[in-house]
Amino acid sequence: MSHSKGIIGALILSSLLLSPLAMAEESQSFAALNEARHAAFEQHETELAMQTKEHLNTQQASSAQPQSQSANHS
């Protein structure tokens, strides 16, 4: 009997400890912070994609340049 009371007590205590986290997800400040993080992540992803594209274009241009120079010398 006391074992089941201990389990019930642990469940009640854990629900009281976790309830602020559940309420935080519903708060406006939490939602605004989450949205700001998402926007920053999207911007960072876009910047990385642009840098990668520029890097690839630079590599392609530098690899194409010697070929055209060697074709002119032939």
N, C-alpha and C. Protein backbone atom coordinates (compact mmCIF):
# COMPACT_ATOMS: atom_id res chain seq x y z
N MET A 1 0.82 -1.18 0.00
CA MET A 1 0.00 0.00 0.00
C MET A 1 0.87 1.26 0.00
N SER A 2 1.92 1.24 0.83
CA SER A 2 2.79 2.42 0.89
C SER A 2 3.59 2.58 -0.40
N HIS A 3 3.85 1.46 -1.08
CA HIS A 3 4.57 1.52 -2.35
C HIS A 3 3.75 2.27 -3.39
N SER A 4 2.46 2.00 -3.47
CA SER A 4 1.61 2.68 -4.44
C SER A 4 1.46 4.16 -4.08
N LYS A 5 1.46 4.48 -2.78
CA LYS A 5 1.40 5.89 -2.37
C LYS A 5 2.68 6.61 -2.80
N GLY A 6 3.80 5.93 -2.74
CA GLY A 6 5.08 6.51 -3.17
C GLY A 6 5.08 6.79 -4.66
N ILE A 7 4.54 5.86 -5.42
CA ILE A 7 4.48 6.03 -6.87
C ILE A 7 3.55 7.19 -7.21
N ILE A 8 2.39 7.23 -6.56
CA ILE A 8 1.43 8.32 -6.80
C ILE A 8 2.05 9.65 -6.40
N GLY A 9 2.74 9.68 -5.30
CA GLY A 9 3.41 10.91 -4.86
C GLY A 9 4.47 11.36 -5.86
N ALA A 10 5.23 10.41 -6.40
CA ALA A 10 6.25 10.74 -7.39
C ALA A 10 5.61 11.29 -8.67
N LEU A 11 4.49 10.71 -9.08
CA LEU A 11 3.80 11.20 -10.27
C LEU A 11 3.25 12.61 -10.07
N ILE A 12 2.69 12.85 -8.92
CA ILE A 12 2.16 14.19 -8.62
C ILE A 12 3.30 15.21 -8.57
N LEU A 13 4.39 14.84 -7.93
CA LEU A 13 5.53 15.75 -7.83
C LEU A 13 6.12 16.05 -9.21
N SER A 14 6.25 15.02 -10.02
CA SER A 14 6.81 15.24 -11.35
C SER A 14 5.88 16.09 -12.21
N SER A 15 4.57 15.91 -12.07
CA SER A 15 3.65 16.73 -12.85
C SER A 15 3.70 18.18 -12.40
N LEU A 16 3.92 18.42 -11.11
CA LEU A 16 4.05 19.80 -10.61
C LEU A 16 5.34 20.44 -11.10
N LEU A 17 6.40 19.64 -11.18
CA LEU A 17 7.68 20.17 -11.63
C LEU A 17 7.67 20.45 -13.14
N LEU A 18 6.94 19.66 -13.90
CA LEU A 18 6.93 19.82 -15.36
C LEU A 18 5.85 20.77 -15.85
N SER A 19 4.92 21.15 -15.01
CA SER A 19 3.83 22.01 -15.47
C SER A 19 4.31 23.39 -15.95
N PRO A 20 5.33 24.01 -15.36
CA PRO A 20 5.80 25.29 -15.92
C PRO A 20 6.31 25.15 -17.35
N LEU A 21 6.90 24.02 -17.67
CA LEU A 21 7.37 23.82 -19.05
C LEU A 21 6.20 23.71 -20.01
N ALA A 22 5.16 23.06 -19.59
CA ALA A 22 3.98 22.94 -20.44
C ALA A 22 3.32 24.30 -20.64
N MET A 23 3.27 25.09 -19.61
CA MET A 23 2.66 26.42 -19.74
C MET A 23 3.56 27.35 -20.54
N ALA A 24 4.87 27.15 -20.50
CA ALA A 24 5.79 28.01 -21.24
C ALA A 24 5.55 27.90 -22.74
N GLU A 25 5.19 26.71 -23.21
CA GLU A 25 4.95 26.53 -24.63
C GLU A 25 3.73 27.30 -25.10
N GLU A 26 2.83 27.64 -24.18
CA GLU A 26 1.63 28.35 -24.55
C GLU A 26 1.79 29.86 -24.40
N SER A 27 2.86 30.33 -23.76
CA SER A 27 3.02 31.75 -23.51
C SER A 27 3.41 32.48 -24.79
N GLN A 28 3.05 33.76 -24.86
CA GLN A 28 3.35 34.56 -26.04
C GLN A 28 4.85 34.82 -26.17
N SER A 29 5.53 34.99 -25.05
CA SER A 29 6.97 35.25 -25.12
C SER A 29 7.71 34.01 -25.64
N PHE A 30 7.26 32.83 -25.21
CA PHE A 30 7.88 31.61 -25.70
C PHE A 30 7.67 31.46 -27.21
N ALA A 31 6.44 31.74 -27.67
CA ALA A 31 6.14 31.64 -29.09
C ALA A 31 6.95 32.65 -29.90
N ALA A 32 7.09 33.88 -29.38
CA ALA A 32 7.87 34.91 -30.07
C ALA A 32 9.34 34.53 -30.14
N LEU A 33 9.87 34.01 -29.05
CA LEU A 33 11.27 33.58 -29.04
C LEU A 33 11.49 32.42 -30.00
N ASN A 34 10.58 31.50 -30.02
CA ASN A 34 10.68 30.36 -30.93
C ASN A 34 10.63 30.82 -32.39
N GLU A 35 9.76 31.77 -32.69
CA GLU A 35 9.65 32.32 -34.04
C GLU A 35 10.93 33.06 -34.44
N ALA A 36 11.52 33.80 -33.50
CA ALA A 36 12.76 34.52 -33.79
C ALA A 36 13.90 33.54 -34.06
N ARG A 37 13.96 32.45 -33.30
CA ARG A 37 14.98 31.43 -33.55
C ARG A 37 14.80 30.80 -34.92
N HIS A 38 13.56 30.53 -35.28
CA HIS A 38 13.28 29.92 -36.58
C HIS A 38 13.68 30.87 -37.71
N ALA A 39 13.37 32.16 -37.57
CA ALA A 39 13.72 33.14 -38.60
C ALA A 39 15.24 33.26 -38.73
N ALA A 40 15.95 33.27 -37.61
CA ALA A 40 17.40 33.36 -37.65
C ALA A 40 18.00 32.12 -38.30
N PHE A 41 17.43 30.96 -38.02
CA PHE A 41 17.91 29.72 -38.64
C PHE A 41 17.69 29.75 -40.15
N GLU A 42 16.51 30.22 -40.57
CA GLU A 42 16.22 30.30 -42.01
C GLU A 42 17.18 31.26 -42.71
N GLN A 43 17.47 32.40 -42.08
CA GLN A 43 18.39 33.37 -42.67
C GLN A 43 19.79 32.78 -42.77
N HIS A 44 20.22 32.09 -41.74
CA HIS A 44 21.54 31.46 -41.75
C HIS A 44 21.63 30.40 -42.84
N GLU A 45 20.57 29.63 -42.99
CA GLU A 45 20.54 28.61 -44.04
C GLU A 45 20.64 29.23 -45.42
N THR A 46 19.93 30.34 -45.64
CA THR A 46 19.96 31.04 -46.92
C THR A 46 21.35 31.58 -47.21
N GLU A 47 21.98 32.16 -46.19
CA GLU A 47 23.34 32.69 -46.37
C GLU A 47 24.33 31.59 -46.70
N LEU A 48 24.21 30.45 -46.04
CA LEU A 48 25.10 29.33 -46.34
C LEU A 48 24.91 28.82 -47.76
N ALA A 49 23.66 28.77 -48.20
CA ALA A 49 23.38 28.32 -49.57
C ALA A 49 23.98 29.29 -50.59
N MET A 50 23.88 30.58 -50.32
CA MET A 50 24.46 31.57 -51.24
C MET A 50 25.98 31.47 -51.27
N GLN A 51 26.60 31.29 -50.10
CA GLN A 51 28.05 31.15 -50.05
C GLN A 51 28.51 29.91 -50.80
N THR A 52 27.78 28.83 -50.65
CA THR A 52 28.11 27.59 -51.36
C THR A 52 27.99 27.78 -52.86
N LYS A 53 26.93 28.45 -53.27
CA LYS A 53 26.72 28.70 -54.71
C LYS A 53 27.83 29.58 -55.26
N GLU A 54 28.21 30.63 -54.53
CA GLU A 54 29.30 31.50 -54.98
C GLU A 54 30.61 30.74 -55.06
N HIS A 55 30.85 29.88 -54.08
CA HIS A 55 32.08 29.08 -54.06
C HIS A 55 32.13 28.14 -55.26
N LEU A 56 31.02 27.50 -55.57
CA LEU A 56 30.97 26.61 -56.72
C LEU A 56 31.17 27.37 -58.02
N ASN A 57 30.55 28.55 -58.12
CA ASN A 57 30.72 29.36 -59.33
C ASN A 57 32.17 29.80 -59.49
N THR A 58 32.83 30.13 -58.40
CA THR A 58 34.23 30.54 -58.44
C THR A 58 35.11 29.36 -58.86
N GLN A 59 34.81 28.18 -58.33
CA GLN A 59 35.59 27.00 -58.71
C GLN A 59 35.40 26.66 -60.18
N GLN A 60 34.17 26.75 -60.67
CA GLN A 60 33.90 26.45 -62.07
C GLN A 60 34.58 27.46 -62.98
N ALA A 61 34.56 28.73 -62.59
CA ALA A 61 35.19 29.76 -63.40
C ALA A 61 36.70 29.57 -63.43
N SER A 62 37.30 29.23 -62.30
CA SER A 62 38.75 29.05 -62.27
C SER A 62 39.17 27.79 -63.00
N SER A 63 38.34 26.76 -63.01
CA SER A 63 38.71 25.54 -63.73
C SER A 63 38.45 25.69 -65.23
N ALA A 64 37.53 26.53 -65.62
CA ALA A 64 37.25 26.74 -67.04
C ALA A 64 38.26 27.69 -67.66
N GLN A 65 38.84 28.57 -66.92
CA GLN A 65 39.77 29.57 -67.43
C GLN A 65 41.04 28.94 -67.99
N PRO A 66 41.72 28.03 -67.32
CA PRO A 66 42.94 27.43 -67.89
C PRO A 66 42.66 26.63 -69.16
N GLN A 67 41.50 26.00 -69.26
CA GLN A 67 41.17 25.25 -70.45
C GLN A 67 41.05 26.17 -71.66
N SER A 68 40.41 27.32 -71.47
CA SER A 68 40.25 28.23 -72.59
C SER A 68 41.58 28.84 -72.97
N GLN A 69 42.47 29.07 -72.02
CA GLN A 69 43.79 29.61 -72.31
C GLN A 69 44.63 28.59 -73.06
N SER A 70 44.54 27.33 -72.68
CA SER A 70 45.31 26.30 -73.36
C SER A 70 44.77 26.05 -74.76
N ALA A 71 43.49 26.26 -74.97
CA ALA A 71 42.92 26.10 -76.31
C ALA A 71 43.38 27.22 -77.23
N ASN A 72 43.60 28.41 -76.70
CA ASN A 72 44.10 29.53 -77.49
C ASN A 72 45.55 29.32 -77.91
N HIS A 73 46.34 28.63 -77.12
CA HIS A 73 47.74 28.40 -77.41
C HIS A 73 47.94 27.27 -78.40
N SER A 74 46.97 26.47 -78.65
CA SER A 74 47.14 25.32 -79.55
C SER A 74 47.12 25.69 -80.98
